[in-house]
Amino acid sequence: MNRKHTPTSREKTFPGGLSKAQKSRLAQEAAKAFEVQDRAGLIDRVPALSESANRDTWRRAQQQESVGKSSLRDCQNRDFRPLMAHWLTLQGRDAEAFRTHMRSGRVKDHGARGDTHEAREDWRALILKELGTHAIRMAAAHRDDLITAAYVESEARRKYPRTPMRDLTHAQLRVLFFHIRNRIAAREGRGRTRNRNKSQRKL
């Protein structure tokens, strides 16, 4: 009997759920894996279930086995690569699966503790989520002077001129996230940032 997945404290702290694009890609690779395994006679079908129901039941069981979560709704960004590697392995694409899986975990052997690909993706996801929420609020206020991804990239270059944004560590991304969140609050005129900006304008 499969145990229901209970989010860890880290998952609650970093709510970086899978994007629609990630879910779509995983679903496509899972379908390909099902076809390969089915042709090899390795699928235990339930006669009473339809084709799609059999495929979905198998996919959920495989996900539970791979990352401990049968539903993609429960998966985090850190689960994307392990799942991709799992589906590629079941398709017989072992070399690709190995390369995909090796990108998980600590970025470098001598890297800082906690600086993993998954941790970096968590912070990137939080930045994107903040931008998305900001865009919704600005649209509701009928304003088009919103902070965009291009601004985030320019701030990343300003703060870390020697490091491309794709190579920023989890600690650097954390700093960038809180910086962007403060800039968004200032742009929207919210909280302490708003009061601080008003006092600065009076000087």
C-alpha atoms as a PDB file:
ATOM      1  CA  MET A   1       0.000   0.000   0.000  1.00  0.00           C
ATOM      2  CA  ASN A   2       1.430   3.370  -1.019  1.00  0.00           C
ATOM      3  CA  ARG A   3       1.876   5.914   1.709  1.00  0.00           C
ATOM      4  CA  LYS A   4       0.521   9.384   1.106  1.00  0.00           C
ATOM      5  CA  HIS A   5       3.338  11.860   0.553  1.00  0.00           C
ATOM      6  CA  THR A   6       3.703  14.385   3.355  1.00  0.00           C
ATOM      7  CA  PRO A   7       5.588  17.554   2.292  1.00  0.00           C
ATOM      8  CA  THR A   8       8.862  18.016   4.122  1.00  0.00           C
ATOM      9  CA  SER A   9       9.733  21.240   5.930  1.00  0.00           C
ATOM     10  CA  ARG A  10      12.026  22.136   3.025  1.00  0.00           C
ATOM     11  CA  GLU A  11       9.237  21.651   0.495  1.00  0.00           C
ATOM     12  CA  LYS A  12       6.997  23.926   2.553  1.00  0.00           C
ATOM     13  CA  THR A  13       9.749  26.544   2.664  1.00  0.00           C
ATOM     14  CA  PHE A  14      10.407  26.339  -1.078  1.00  0.00           C
ATOM     15  CA  PRO A  15       7.033  25.859  -2.794  1.00  0.00           C
ATOM     16  CA  GLY A  16       8.597  25.334  -6.214  1.00  0.00           C
ATOM     17  CA  GLY A  17       5.969  23.152  -7.860  1.00  0.00           C
ATOM     18  CA  LEU A  18       6.385  21.872 -11.400  1.00  0.00           C
ATOM     19  CA  SER A  19       5.416  24.228 -14.208  1.00  0.00           C
ATOM     20  CA  LYS A  20       2.835  23.308 -16.849  1.00  0.00           C
ATOM     21  CA  ALA A  21       5.658  22.841 -19.359  1.00  0.00           C
ATOM     22  CA  GLN A  22       7.502  20.473 -17.024  1.00  0.00           C
ATOM     23  CA  LYS A  23       4.351  18.457 -16.328  1.00  0.00           C
ATOM     24  CA  SER A  24       3.597  18.249 -20.043  1.00  0.00           C
ATOM     25  CA  ARG A  25       7.095  17.036 -20.877  1.00  0.00           C
ATOM     26  CA  LEU A  26       7.043  14.442 -18.109  1.00  0.00           C
ATOM     27  CA  ALA A  27       3.643  13.199 -19.290  1.00  0.00           C
ATOM     28  CA  GLN A  28       4.947  12.842 -22.854  1.00  0.00           C
ATOM     29  CA  GLU A  29       8.029  10.896 -21.769  1.00  0.00           C
ATOM     30  CA  ALA A  30       5.917   8.730 -19.455  1.00  0.00           C
ATOM     31  CA  ALA A  31       3.614   7.858 -22.369  1.00  0.00           C
ATOM     32  CA  LYS A  32       6.623   6.880 -24.501  1.00  0.00           C
ATOM     33  CA  ALA A  33       7.978   4.755 -21.661  1.00  0.00           C
ATOM     34  CA  PHE A  34       4.609   3.026 -21.308  1.00  0.00           C
ATOM     35  CA  GLU A  35       4.588   2.146 -25.014  1.00  0.00           C
ATOM     36  CA  VAL A  36       8.112   0.706 -24.862  1.00  0.00           C
ATOM     37  CA  GLN A  37       7.361  -1.333 -21.751  1.00  0.00           C
ATOM     38  CA  ASP A  38       4.018  -2.484 -23.184  1.00  0.00           C
ATOM     39  CA  ARG A  39       5.618  -3.716 -26.414  1.00  0.00           C
ATOM     40  CA  ALA A  40       8.072  -5.682 -24.302  1.00  0.00           C
ATOM     41  CA  GLY A  41       5.182  -7.310 -22.447  1.00  0.00           C
ATOM     42  CA  LEU A  42       6.177  -5.747 -19.133  1.00  0.00           C
ATOM     43  CA  ILE A  43       2.899  -3.991 -18.326  1.00  0.00           C
ATOM     44  CA  ASP A  44       0.420  -5.755 -16.055  1.00  0.00           C
ATOM     45  CA  ARG A  45      -2.784  -4.454 -17.548  1.00  0.00           C
ATOM     46  CA  VAL A  46      -6.112  -4.510 -15.733  1.00  0.00           C
ATOM     47  CA  PRO A  47      -8.678  -5.803 -18.275  1.00  0.00           C
ATOM     48  CA  ALA A  48     -11.512  -3.807 -16.729  1.00  0.00           C
ATOM     49  CA  LEU A  49      -9.651  -0.517 -17.239  1.00  0.00           C
ATOM     50  CA  SER A  50      -9.412   1.504 -20.439  1.00  0.00           C
ATOM     51  CA  GLU A  51      -6.134   2.139 -22.266  1.00  0.00           C
ATOM     52  CA  SER A  52      -5.741   5.592 -20.744  1.00  0.00           C
ATOM     53  CA  ALA A  53      -6.664   4.345 -17.263  1.00  0.00           C
ATOM     54  CA  ASN A  54      -4.090   1.544 -17.476  1.00  0.00           C
ATOM     55  CA  ARG A  55      -1.461   4.006 -18.631  1.00  0.00           C
ATOM     56  CA  ASP A  56      -2.300   6.464 -15.844  1.00  0.00           C
ATOM     57  CA  THR A  57      -2.292   3.744 -13.177  1.00  0.00           C
ATOM     58  CA  TRP A  58       1.110   2.529 -14.363  1.00  0.00           C
ATOM     59  CA  ARG A  59       2.505   6.078 -14.511  1.00  0.00           C
ATOM     60  CA  ARG A  60       1.413   6.841 -10.964  1.00  0.00           C
ATOM     61  CA  ALA A  61       2.929   3.609  -9.662  1.00  0.00           C
ATOM     62  CA  GLN A  62       6.222   4.380 -11.423  1.00  0.00           C
ATOM     63  CA  GLN A  63       6.279   7.929 -10.061  1.00  0.00           C
ATOM     64  CA  GLN A  64       5.687   6.615  -6.552  1.00  0.00           C
ATOM     65  CA  GLU A  65       8.581   4.211  -7.009  1.00  0.00           C
ATOM     66  CA  SER A  66      10.873   6.900  -8.449  1.00  0.00           C
ATOM     67  CA  VAL A  67      10.294   9.951  -6.223  1.00  0.00           C
ATOM     68  CA  GLY A  68       7.752   8.801  -3.649  1.00  0.00           C
ATOM     69  CA  LYS A  69       4.900  10.873  -5.106  1.00  0.00           C
ATOM     70  CA  SER A  70       2.234   9.362  -7.325  1.00  0.00           C
ATOM     71  CA  SER A  71       0.765  12.706  -8.420  1.00  0.00           C
ATOM     72  CA  LEU A  72       2.576  15.428 -10.348  1.00  0.00           C
ATOM     73  CA  ARG A  73       0.702  17.973  -8.231  1.00  0.00           C
ATOM     74  CA  ASP A  74       2.822  16.883  -5.257  1.00  0.00           C
ATOM     75  CA  CYS A  75       6.116  17.035  -7.162  1.00  0.00           C
ATOM     76  CA  GLN A  76       8.644  19.824  -6.688  1.00  0.00           C
ATOM     77  CA  ASN A  77      11.271  21.191  -9.065  1.00  0.00           C
ATOM     78  CA  ARG A  78      13.826  18.887  -7.468  1.00  0.00           C
ATOM     79  CA  ASP A  79      11.750  15.899  -8.677  1.00  0.00           C
ATOM     80  CA  PHE A  80      11.826  16.872 -12.350  1.00  0.00           C
ATOM     81  CA  ARG A  81      15.229  15.455 -13.305  1.00  0.00           C
ATOM     82  CA  PRO A  82      14.910  12.196 -11.339  1.00  0.00           C
ATOM     83  CA  LEU A  83      11.539  11.586 -12.997  1.00  0.00           C
ATOM     84  CA  MET A  84      12.891  12.421 -16.443  1.00  0.00           C
ATOM     85  CA  ALA A  85      15.805  10.053 -15.868  1.00  0.00           C
ATOM     86  CA  HIS A  86      13.360   7.334 -14.785  1.00  0.00           C
ATOM     87  CA  TRP A  87      11.211   7.645 -17.923  1.00  0.00           C
ATOM     88  CA  LEU A  88      14.262   7.743 -20.187  1.00  0.00           C
ATOM     89  CA  THR A  89      15.630   4.598 -18.547  1.00  0.00           C
ATOM     90  CA  LEU A  90      12.340   2.775 -19.140  1.00  0.00           C
ATOM     91  CA  GLN A  91      12.536   3.842 -22.787  1.00  0.00           C
ATOM     92  CA  GLY A  92      15.977   2.256 -23.076  1.00  0.00           C
ATOM     93  CA  ARG A  93      17.732   5.627 -23.367  1.00  0.00           C
ATOM     94  CA  ASP A  94      20.204   4.884 -20.595  1.00  0.00           C
ATOM     95  CA  ALA A  95      22.913   7.337 -21.678  1.00  0.00           C
ATOM     96  CA  GLU A  96      20.476  10.256 -21.684  1.00  0.00           C
ATOM     97  CA  ALA A  97      19.032   9.096 -18.381  1.00  0.00           C
ATOM     98  CA  PHE A  98      22.494   9.010 -16.831  1.00  0.00           C
ATOM     99  CA  ARG A  99      23.320  12.527 -18.030  1.00  0.00           C
ATOM    100  CA  THR A 100      19.982  13.818 -16.772  1.00  0.00           C
ATOM    101  CA  HIS A 101      20.341  12.189 -13.375  1.00  0.00           C
ATOM    102  CA  MET A 102      23.928  13.342 -12.924  1.00  0.00           C
ATOM    103  CA  ARG A 103      22.718  16.942 -13.083  1.00  0.00           C
ATOM    104  CA  SER A 104      20.861  16.355  -9.833  1.00  0.00           C
ATOM    105  CA  GLY A 105      22.500  16.749  -6.458  1.00  0.00           C
ATOM    106  CA  ARG A 106      25.392  19.004  -5.472  1.00  0.00           C
ATOM    107  CA  VAL A 107      26.612  21.158  -8.335  1.00  0.00           C
ATOM    108  CA  LYS A 108      30.306  20.552  -7.646  1.00  0.00           C
ATOM    109  CA  ASP A 109      32.172  18.239  -5.300  1.00  0.00           C
ATOM    110  CA  HIS A 110      33.717  21.281  -3.624  1.00  0.00           C
ATOM    111  CA  GLY A 111      30.551  23.366  -3.756  1.00  0.00           C
ATOM    112  CA  ALA A 112      28.945  24.906  -0.703  1.00  0.00           C
ATOM    113  CA  ARG A 113      26.696  22.721   1.387  1.00  0.00           C
ATOM    114  CA  GLY A 114      23.144  22.951   0.104  1.00  0.00           C
ATOM    115  CA  ASP A 115      24.194  24.299  -3.304  1.00  0.00           C
ATOM    116  CA  THR A 116      22.405  21.723  -5.435  1.00  0.00           C
ATOM    117  CA  HIS A 117      20.713  21.997  -8.814  1.00  0.00           C
ATOM    118  CA  GLU A 118      17.425  21.412  -7.000  1.00  0.00           C
ATOM    119  CA  ALA A 119      18.053  24.227  -4.509  1.00  0.00           C
ATOM    120  CA  ARG A 120      18.931  26.585  -7.341  1.00  0.00           C
ATOM    121  CA  GLU A 121      15.763  25.662  -9.219  1.00  0.00           C
ATOM    122  CA  ASP A 122      13.731  26.257  -6.063  1.00  0.00           C
ATOM    123  CA  TRP A 123      14.962  29.849  -5.832  1.00  0.00           C
ATOM    124  CA  ARG A 124      14.513  30.443  -9.574  1.00  0.00           C
ATOM    125  CA  ALA A 125      10.953  29.157  -9.249  1.00  0.00           C
ATOM    126  CA  LEU A 126      10.301  31.534  -6.349  1.00  0.00           C
ATOM    127  CA  ILE A 127      11.586  34.474  -8.387  1.00  0.00           C
ATOM    128  CA  LEU A 128       9.313  33.539 -11.299  1.00  0.00           C
ATOM    129  CA  LYS A 129       6.373  33.098  -8.940  1.00  0.00           C
ATOM    130  CA  GLU A 130       7.024  36.544  -7.456  1.00  0.00           C
ATOM    131  CA  LEU A 131       7.123  38.075 -10.956  1.00  0.00           C
ATOM    132  CA  GLY A 132       3.888  36.324 -11.899  1.00  0.00           C
ATOM    133  CA  THR A 133       2.038  37.540  -8.812  1.00  0.00           C
ATOM    134  CA  HIS A 134       3.431  41.029  -9.374  1.00  0.00           C
ATOM    135  CA  ALA A 135       2.186  41.034 -12.975  1.00  0.00           C
ATOM    136  CA  ILE A 136      -1.321  40.085 -11.828  1.00  0.00           C
ATOM    137  CA  ARG A 137      -1.410  42.864  -9.234  1.00  0.00           C
ATOM    138  CA  MET A 138      -0.118  45.440 -11.698  1.00  0.00           C
ATOM    139  CA  ALA A 139      -2.679  44.397 -14.304  1.00  0.00           C
ATOM    140  CA  ALA A 140      -5.444  44.736 -11.715  1.00  0.00           C
ATOM    141  CA  ALA A 141      -4.192  48.251 -10.975  1.00  0.00           C
ATOM    142  CA  HIS A 142      -4.110  49.042 -14.724  1.00  0.00           C
ATOM    143  CA  ARG A 143      -0.365  49.703 -14.597  1.00  0.00           C
ATOM    144  CA  ASP A 144       2.183  48.628 -17.180  1.00  0.00           C
ATOM    145  CA  ASP A 145       5.373  49.727 -15.404  1.00  0.00           C
ATOM    146  CA  LEU A 146       5.958  46.289 -13.978  1.00  0.00           C
ATOM    147  CA  ILE A 147       9.246  44.622 -13.096  1.00  0.00           C
ATOM    148  CA  THR A 148      10.072  41.942 -15.649  1.00  0.00           C
ATOM    149  CA  ALA A 149      12.442  39.003 -16.085  1.00  0.00           C
ATOM    150  CA  ALA A 150      14.729  41.292 -18.085  1.00  0.00           C
ATOM    151  CA  TYR A 151      15.063  43.533 -15.029  1.00  0.00           C
ATOM    152  CA  VAL A 152      15.903  40.504 -12.880  1.00  0.00           C
ATOM    153  CA  GLU A 153      18.661  39.516 -15.297  1.00  0.00           C
ATOM    154  CA  SER A 154      20.076  43.041 -15.327  1.00  0.00           C
ATOM    155  CA  GLU A 155      20.119  43.118 -11.519  1.00  0.00           C
ATOM    156  CA  ALA A 156      21.826  39.721 -11.471  1.00  0.00           C
ATOM    157  CA  ARG A 157      24.534  41.043 -13.808  1.00  0.00           C
ATOM    158  CA  ARG A 158      24.940  44.140 -11.665  1.00  0.00           C
ATOM    159  CA  LYS A 159      25.262  42.181  -8.427  1.00  0.00           C
ATOM    160  CA  TYR A 160      27.330  39.318  -9.838  1.00  0.00           C
ATOM    161  CA  PRO A 161      29.104  40.660 -12.961  1.00  0.00           C
ATOM    162  CA  ARG A 162      31.472  37.694 -13.193  1.00  0.00           C
ATOM    163  CA  THR A 163      28.783  35.016 -13.012  1.00  0.00           C
ATOM    164  CA  PRO A 164      26.127  34.291 -15.667  1.00  0.00           C
ATOM    165  CA  MET A 165      22.663  34.031 -14.148  1.00  0.00           C
ATOM    166  CA  ARG A 166      22.441  30.354 -15.083  1.00  0.00           C
ATOM    167  CA  ASP A 167      25.475  29.688 -12.859  1.00  0.00           C
ATOM    168  CA  LEU A 168      24.392  31.647  -9.781  1.00  0.00           C
ATOM    169  CA  THR A 169      24.623  29.620  -6.580  1.00  0.00           C
ATOM    170  CA  HIS A 170      21.616  28.971  -4.378  1.00  0.00           C
ATOM    171  CA  ALA A 171      22.952  31.577  -1.925  1.00  0.00           C
ATOM    172  CA  GLN A 172      23.288  34.193  -4.672  1.00  0.00           C
ATOM    173  CA  LEU A 173      19.814  33.383  -5.988  1.00  0.00           C
ATOM    174  CA  ARG A 174      18.455  33.735  -2.465  1.00  0.00           C
ATOM    175  CA  VAL A 175      19.942  37.238  -2.205  1.00  0.00           C
ATOM    176  CA  LEU A 176      18.568  38.076  -5.652  1.00  0.00           C
ATOM    177  CA  PHE A 177      15.103  36.811  -4.709  1.00  0.00           C
ATOM    178  CA  PHE A 178      14.794  39.033  -1.644  1.00  0.00           C
ATOM    179  CA  HIS A 179      16.236  41.988  -3.565  1.00  0.00           C
ATOM    180  CA  ILE A 180      13.660  41.556  -6.342  1.00  0.00           C
ATOM    181  CA  ARG A 181      10.861  41.065  -3.836  1.00  0.00           C
ATOM    182  CA  ASN A 182      11.792  44.351  -2.161  1.00  0.00           C
ATOM    183  CA  ARG A 183      11.976  46.127  -5.523  1.00  0.00           C
ATOM    184  CA  ILE A 184       8.534  44.778  -6.426  1.00  0.00           C
ATOM    185  CA  ALA A 185       7.104  45.973  -3.111  1.00  0.00           C
ATOM    186  CA  ALA A 186       8.572  49.420  -3.768  1.00  0.00           C
ATOM    187  CA  ARG A 187       7.168  49.513  -7.296  1.00  0.00           C
ATOM    188  CA  GLU A 188       3.720  48.535  -6.043  1.00  0.00           C
ATOM    189  CA  GLY A 189       3.955  50.933  -3.096  1.00  0.00           C
ATOM    190  CA  ARG A 190       3.560  48.343  -0.365  1.00  0.00           C
ATOM    191  CA  GLY A 191       4.802  47.974   3.214  1.00  0.00           C
ATOM    192  CA  ARG A 192       7.927  49.370   4.810  1.00  0.00           C
ATOM    193  CA  THR A 193       9.590  49.884   1.456  1.00  0.00           C
ATOM    194  CA  ARG A 194       6.871  52.361   0.497  1.00  0.00           C
ATOM    195  CA  ASN A 195       7.317  54.352   3.715  1.00  0.00           C
ATOM    196  CA  ARG A 196      11.097  54.319   3.355  1.00  0.00           C
ATOM    197  CA  ASN A 197      10.878  55.614  -0.209  1.00  0.00           C
ATOM    198  CA  LYS A 198       8.530  58.411   0.883  1.00  0.00           C
ATOM    199  CA  SER A 199      10.911  59.504   3.633  1.00  0.00           C
ATOM    200  CA  GLN A 200      13.831  59.425   1.217  1.00  0.00           C
ATOM    201  CA  ARG A 201      11.965  61.667  -1.235  1.00  0.00           C
ATOM    202  CA  LYS A 202      11.489  64.251   1.538  1.00  0.00           C
ATOM    203  CA  LEU A 203      15.249  64.526   2.149  1.00  0.00           C
END
